[in-house]
């Protein structure tokens, strides 16, 4: 059973772990997988001193029957699935249109390589 997936950009005051795994009472687990972790310097504003914070793209995933070690080992795959699941219908349609155009371009190239009309 897959569960819920969501990807968002998050901010932390300290460097976050790439994978956070938290078992739930219902037998599932809340899993946060982070990519593109980066330290960002923050400027002094309104009397507040300059500082730093950490940003990341974070996938929040709920999974059942997945142990912590398995989540760590499958982090790349789980993140990719969450990215795909997070796409809007508009994004999916645009990708399909691009794939169709790429296919038509490939057919045209093959046709030209074979010498055009016969």
Foldseek 3Di string as FASTA:
>chain_A
DWADKDKDKDKAADFDDQWDWAADPVQKIWIKGWDPKDKDWAPDDPNRHIDIMIMTIIMITIGHPADPVNCVVCVVVSVVVSVVVHDDPVVVVVVVVVVVVVVVVVVVVVCVVVPHDD
